Amino acid sequence: MLSDIRRHSRFTAEEFRAPATERPLDVSVLHRRIRSVLEDAERFISRIPSHAVGFVFLEGEEPVQPDVEALGKYRRLAGAPGGVWPFSPEISSAMLDRYNRKPD
C-alpha cells in the first residue's frame, strides 16, 4: 500500500496552487511532511509482529498507534470481511493530531 501511495502521489506545484486554501501551500514543506509520514509508517510496519496486523488498538476507548513492545496492554478490535473502518470524531482527531505534530 505504501508503495502504491509513493507511486501514485506525484503532483506538480501548479496542481497545489489550484485548490482554494486559506493560505498558500508550501509544496516543498508538504512534500517533506508526506515523506516523513510514509517513513514513519514503514518503520512501524517493519516492527509490528504479523499476529498483530489487522487490528485497531484502543487505550480505554481511544484509538492509538500501539507501542509494539507492549501490545498486551491494548484492547484490540479485529477487522472483518466486508466490514468498514471504524469512524468517529475521536479517530479522525487522533490521526490529525499525530500527523500535524512537527517532526522531532
N, C-alpha and C. Protein backbone atom coordinates (compact mmCIF):
# COMPACT_ATOMS: atom_id res chain seq x y z
N MET A 1 0.83 -1.18 0.00
CA MET A 1 0.00 0.00 0.00
C MET A 1 0.88 1.25 0.00
N LEU A 2 1.94 1.25 0.82
CA LEU A 2 2.82 2.42 0.85
C LEU A 2 3.51 2.62 -0.49
N SER A 3 3.89 1.53 -1.14
CA SER A 3 4.50 1.63 -2.48
C SER A 3 3.52 2.27 -3.46
N ASP A 4 2.26 1.87 -3.38
CA ASP A 4 1.25 2.46 -4.26
C ASP A 4 1.06 3.94 -3.98
N ILE A 5 1.08 4.32 -2.72
CA ILE A 5 0.96 5.74 -2.37
C ILE A 5 2.12 6.51 -2.96
N ARG A 6 3.33 5.99 -2.79
CA ARG A 6 4.51 6.66 -3.36
C ARG A 6 4.41 6.75 -4.88
N ARG A 7 4.01 5.66 -5.51
CA ARG A 7 3.97 5.60 -6.97
C ARG A 7 2.90 6.53 -7.56
N HIS A 8 1.77 6.65 -6.87
CA HIS A 8 0.65 7.39 -7.44
C HIS A 8 0.44 8.77 -6.82
N SER A 9 1.39 9.24 -6.07
CA SER A 9 1.20 10.56 -5.44
C SER A 9 2.21 11.57 -5.99
N ARG A 10 2.21 11.70 -7.29
CA ARG A 10 3.08 12.67 -7.95
C ARG A 10 2.22 13.84 -8.40
N PHE A 11 2.51 15.01 -7.87
CA PHE A 11 1.75 16.20 -8.22
C PHE A 11 2.72 17.32 -8.56
N THR A 12 2.28 18.21 -9.41
CA THR A 12 3.10 19.36 -9.77
C THR A 12 2.78 20.52 -8.83
N ALA A 13 3.69 21.47 -8.77
CA ALA A 13 3.47 22.67 -7.96
C ALA A 13 2.21 23.39 -8.43
N GLU A 14 1.95 23.39 -9.73
CA GLU A 14 0.76 24.05 -10.27
C GLU A 14 -0.53 23.41 -9.73
N GLU A 15 -0.53 22.09 -9.59
CA GLU A 15 -1.71 21.41 -9.06
C GLU A 15 -1.96 21.81 -7.60
N PHE A 16 -0.91 22.14 -6.87
CA PHE A 16 -1.09 22.56 -5.48
C PHE A 16 -1.53 24.02 -5.38
N ARG A 17 -1.34 24.79 -6.43
CA ARG A 17 -1.81 26.18 -6.41
C ARG A 17 -3.30 26.26 -6.73
N ALA A 18 -3.85 25.22 -7.37
CA ALA A 18 -5.24 25.25 -7.82
C ALA A 18 -6.26 25.21 -6.68
N PRO A 19 -6.08 24.38 -5.63
CA PRO A 19 -7.13 24.33 -4.60
C PRO A 19 -7.28 25.66 -3.86
N ALA A 20 -8.51 25.98 -3.53
CA ALA A 20 -8.76 27.18 -2.74
C ALA A 20 -8.42 26.85 -1.29
N THR A 21 -7.34 27.38 -0.80
CA THR A 21 -6.92 27.13 0.57
C THR A 21 -6.85 28.45 1.33
N GLU A 22 -6.93 28.33 2.63
CA GLU A 22 -6.90 29.51 3.49
C GLU A 22 -5.61 30.30 3.29
N ARG A 23 -4.51 29.57 3.14
CA ARG A 23 -3.22 30.21 2.86
C ARG A 23 -2.49 29.35 1.82
N PRO A 24 -1.57 29.93 1.08
CA PRO A 24 -0.87 29.16 0.05
C PRO A 24 -0.13 27.96 0.65
N LEU A 25 -0.13 26.86 -0.10
CA LEU A 25 0.58 25.66 0.34
C LEU A 25 2.05 25.78 -0.05
N ASP A 26 2.93 25.44 0.87
CA ASP A 26 4.35 25.37 0.58
C ASP A 26 4.63 23.95 0.12
N VAL A 27 4.78 23.78 -1.18
CA VAL A 27 4.89 22.45 -1.77
C VAL A 27 6.09 21.69 -1.22
N SER A 28 7.22 22.34 -1.03
CA SER A 28 8.40 21.62 -0.53
C SER A 28 8.19 21.16 0.91
N VAL A 29 7.55 21.97 1.74
CA VAL A 29 7.26 21.57 3.12
C VAL A 29 6.26 20.41 3.12
N LEU A 30 5.23 20.51 2.30
CA LEU A 30 4.23 19.46 2.21
C LEU A 30 4.87 18.15 1.73
N HIS A 31 5.73 18.23 0.73
CA HIS A 31 6.41 17.04 0.21
C HIS A 31 7.26 16.39 1.30
N ARG A 32 8.03 17.18 2.04
CA ARG A 32 8.84 16.63 3.13
C ARG A 32 7.96 15.98 4.20
N ARG A 33 6.84 16.60 4.51
CA ARG A 33 5.94 16.06 5.53
C ARG A 33 5.35 14.73 5.09
N ILE A 34 4.92 14.65 3.84
CA ILE A 34 4.37 13.39 3.32
C ILE A 34 5.43 12.30 3.36
N ARG A 35 6.66 12.62 2.94
CA ARG A 35 7.73 11.63 3.00
C ARG A 35 7.99 11.18 4.42
N SER A 36 7.95 12.11 5.37
CA SER A 36 8.17 11.78 6.78
C SER A 36 7.07 10.84 7.29
N VAL A 37 5.82 11.11 6.94
CA VAL A 37 4.70 10.27 7.36
C VAL A 37 4.85 8.86 6.79
N LEU A 38 5.22 8.77 5.51
CA LEU A 38 5.41 7.45 4.89
C LEU A 38 6.58 6.70 5.54
N GLU A 39 7.66 7.40 5.86
CA GLU A 39 8.79 6.76 6.53
C GLU A 39 8.40 6.28 7.92
N ASP A 40 7.62 7.08 8.65
CA ASP A 40 7.12 6.64 9.97
C ASP A 40 6.29 5.37 9.83
N ALA A 41 5.42 5.35 8.82
CA ALA A 41 4.57 4.17 8.60
C ALA A 41 5.42 2.95 8.26
N GLU A 42 6.44 3.11 7.43
CA GLU A 42 7.30 1.98 7.09
C GLU A 42 8.04 1.45 8.32
N ARG A 43 8.53 2.36 9.16
CA ARG A 43 9.21 1.92 10.40
C ARG A 43 8.25 1.13 11.28
N PHE A 44 7.04 1.64 11.45
CA PHE A 44 6.05 0.95 12.28
C PHE A 44 5.73 -0.42 11.70
N ILE A 45 5.47 -0.48 10.41
CA ILE A 45 5.12 -1.74 9.76
C ILE A 45 6.25 -2.76 9.89
N SER A 46 7.48 -2.30 9.81
CA SER A 46 8.60 -3.24 9.91
C SER A 46 8.76 -3.80 11.32
N ARG A 47 8.20 -3.14 12.31
CA ARG A 47 8.36 -3.56 13.70
C ARG A 47 7.18 -4.35 14.25
N ILE A 48 5.97 -4.14 13.71
CA ILE A 48 4.81 -4.80 14.30
C ILE A 48 4.79 -6.28 13.89
N PRO A 49 4.59 -7.19 14.85
CA PRO A 49 4.55 -8.61 14.52
C PRO A 49 3.33 -8.95 13.66
N SER A 50 3.48 -9.97 12.82
CA SER A 50 2.40 -10.32 11.88
C SER A 50 1.11 -10.68 12.61
N HIS A 51 1.19 -11.25 13.81
CA HIS A 51 -0.04 -11.63 14.53
C HIS A 51 -0.81 -10.41 15.05
N ALA A 52 -0.20 -9.23 14.96
CA ALA A 52 -0.88 -8.02 15.45
C ALA A 52 -1.39 -7.13 14.30
N VAL A 53 -1.24 -7.60 13.08
CA VAL A 53 -1.69 -6.83 11.92
C VAL A 53 -3.20 -7.01 11.74
N GLY A 54 -3.88 -5.94 11.35
CA GLY A 54 -5.30 -6.02 11.06
C GLY A 54 -6.20 -5.62 12.20
N PHE A 55 -5.63 -5.05 13.24
CA PHE A 55 -6.40 -4.64 14.40
C PHE A 55 -6.36 -3.12 14.56
N VAL A 56 -7.40 -2.57 15.15
CA VAL A 56 -7.38 -1.21 15.67
C VAL A 56 -7.09 -1.39 17.16
N PHE A 57 -6.08 -0.70 17.66
CA PHE A 57 -5.70 -0.81 19.06
C PHE A 57 -6.31 0.34 19.84
N LEU A 58 -6.87 0.00 21.00
CA LEU A 58 -7.52 1.01 21.84
C LEU A 58 -6.87 1.07 23.21
N GLU A 59 -6.73 2.28 23.72
CA GLU A 59 -6.38 2.51 25.12
C GLU A 59 -7.64 3.09 25.73
N GLY A 60 -8.30 2.32 26.58
CA GLY A 60 -9.63 2.72 27.03
C GLY A 60 -10.53 2.66 25.82
N GLU A 61 -11.11 3.77 25.45
CA GLU A 61 -11.95 3.84 24.25
C GLU A 61 -11.27 4.61 23.13
N GLU A 62 -10.01 5.02 23.35
CA GLU A 62 -9.30 5.86 22.39
C GLU A 62 -8.45 5.02 21.43
N PRO A 63 -8.59 5.20 20.12
CA PRO A 63 -7.71 4.51 19.17
C PRO A 63 -6.31 5.11 19.25
N VAL A 64 -5.30 4.24 19.24
CA VAL A 64 -3.92 4.70 19.35
C VAL A 64 -3.03 3.89 18.41
N GLN A 65 -1.88 4.47 18.10
CA GLN A 65 -0.84 3.68 17.44
C GLN A 65 -0.12 2.97 18.57
N PRO A 66 -0.13 1.64 18.58
CA PRO A 66 0.40 0.92 19.74
C PRO A 66 1.92 0.94 19.84
N ASP A 67 2.39 0.81 21.05
CA ASP A 67 3.80 0.56 21.31
C ASP A 67 4.00 -0.92 21.02
N VAL A 68 4.80 -1.24 19.99
CA VAL A 68 4.94 -2.65 19.60
C VAL A 68 5.65 -3.49 20.65
N GLU A 69 6.28 -2.84 21.62
CA GLU A 69 6.93 -3.58 22.71
C GLU A 69 5.95 -3.91 23.83
N ALA A 70 4.72 -3.36 23.78
CA ALA A 70 3.75 -3.57 24.86
C ALA A 70 2.35 -3.79 24.30
N LEU A 71 2.23 -4.65 23.29
CA LEU A 71 0.94 -4.85 22.63
C LEU A 71 -0.13 -5.41 23.56
N GLY A 72 0.28 -6.12 24.61
CA GLY A 72 -0.67 -6.73 25.53
C GLY A 72 -1.48 -5.74 26.34
N LYS A 73 -1.05 -4.50 26.40
CA LYS A 73 -1.78 -3.53 27.22
C LYS A 73 -2.97 -2.88 26.49
N TYR A 74 -3.16 -3.21 25.22
CA TYR A 74 -4.22 -2.59 24.44
C TYR A 74 -5.37 -3.56 24.22
N ARG A 75 -6.56 -2.98 24.06
CA ARG A 75 -7.71 -3.75 23.62
C ARG A 75 -7.67 -3.72 22.10
N ARG A 76 -7.99 -4.84 21.47
CA ARG A 76 -7.93 -4.93 20.02
C ARG A 76 -9.32 -5.08 19.41
N LEU A 77 -9.54 -4.38 18.32
CA LEU A 77 -10.75 -4.55 17.51
C LEU A 77 -10.30 -5.16 16.20
N ALA A 78 -10.83 -6.34 15.89
CA ALA A 78 -10.44 -7.05 14.66
C ALA A 78 -11.25 -6.57 13.47
N GLY A 79 -10.62 -6.61 12.32
CA GLY A 79 -11.32 -6.34 11.07
C GLY A 79 -12.19 -7.52 10.71
N ALA A 80 -13.08 -7.33 9.78
CA ALA A 80 -13.97 -8.41 9.34
C ALA A 80 -14.18 -8.28 7.84
N PRO A 81 -14.28 -9.40 7.13
CA PRO A 81 -14.56 -9.32 5.69
C PRO A 81 -15.84 -8.52 5.46
N GLY A 82 -15.75 -7.59 4.55
CA GLY A 82 -16.92 -6.76 4.25
C GLY A 82 -17.20 -5.70 5.29
N GLY A 83 -16.35 -5.64 6.32
CA GLY A 83 -16.53 -4.65 7.37
C GLY A 83 -16.09 -3.27 6.91
N VAL A 84 -16.27 -2.32 7.76
CA VAL A 84 -15.86 -0.96 7.44
C VAL A 84 -14.88 -0.49 8.49
N TRP A 85 -14.04 0.44 8.09
CA TRP A 85 -13.11 1.05 9.01
C TRP A 85 -13.92 1.82 10.04
N PRO A 86 -13.63 1.62 11.33
CA PRO A 86 -14.40 2.35 12.34
C PRO A 86 -14.17 3.84 12.18
N PHE A 87 -15.22 4.60 12.35
CA PHE A 87 -15.12 6.04 12.22
C PHE A 87 -15.72 6.70 13.44
N SER A 88 -15.03 7.69 13.90
CA SER A 88 -15.57 8.55 14.94
C SER A 88 -14.77 9.83 14.91
N PRO A 89 -15.32 10.91 15.46
CA PRO A 89 -14.55 12.15 15.53
C PRO A 89 -13.24 11.96 16.30
N GLU A 90 -13.25 11.04 17.29
CA GLU A 90 -12.04 10.81 18.08
C GLU A 90 -10.93 10.18 17.22
N ILE A 91 -11.30 9.23 16.36
CA ILE A 91 -10.30 8.60 15.48
C ILE A 91 -9.72 9.65 14.55
N SER A 92 -10.58 10.42 13.91
CA SER A 92 -10.10 11.45 13.00
C SER A 92 -9.21 12.45 13.72
N SER A 93 -9.64 12.87 14.89
CA SER A 93 -8.87 13.84 15.67
C SER A 93 -7.50 13.27 16.06
N ALA A 94 -7.48 12.01 16.51
CA ALA A 94 -6.21 11.39 16.91
C ALA A 94 -5.26 11.30 15.73
N MET A 95 -5.78 10.93 14.55
CA MET A 95 -4.92 10.83 13.37
C MET A 95 -4.38 12.20 12.98
N LEU A 96 -5.24 13.20 12.97
CA LEU A 96 -4.79 14.54 12.60
C LEU A 96 -3.81 15.11 13.61
N ASP A 97 -4.07 14.89 14.90
CA ASP A 97 -3.15 15.37 15.94
C ASP A 97 -1.77 14.76 15.75
N ARG A 98 -1.73 13.45 15.52
CA ARG A 98 -0.44 12.77 15.37
C ARG A 98 0.33 13.30 14.16
N TYR A 99 -0.33 13.48 13.03
CA TYR A 99 0.38 13.85 11.81
C TYR A 99 0.51 15.35 11.62
N ASN A 100 -0.12 16.15 12.45
CA ASN A 100 0.07 17.58 12.38
C ASN A 100 1.20 18.05 13.29
N ARG A 101 1.68 17.14 14.15
CA ARG A 101 2.81 17.49 15.01
C ARG A 101 4.04 17.69 14.16
N LYS A 102 4.85 18.65 14.54
CA LYS A 102 6.11 18.87 13.85
C LYS A 102 7.06 17.73 14.17
N PRO A 103 7.82 17.24 13.17
CA PRO A 103 8.79 16.17 13.44
C PRO A 103 9.83 16.62 14.47
N ASP A 104 10.29 15.65 15.26
CA ASP A 104 11.31 15.96 16.27
C ASP A 104 12.65 16.24 15.64
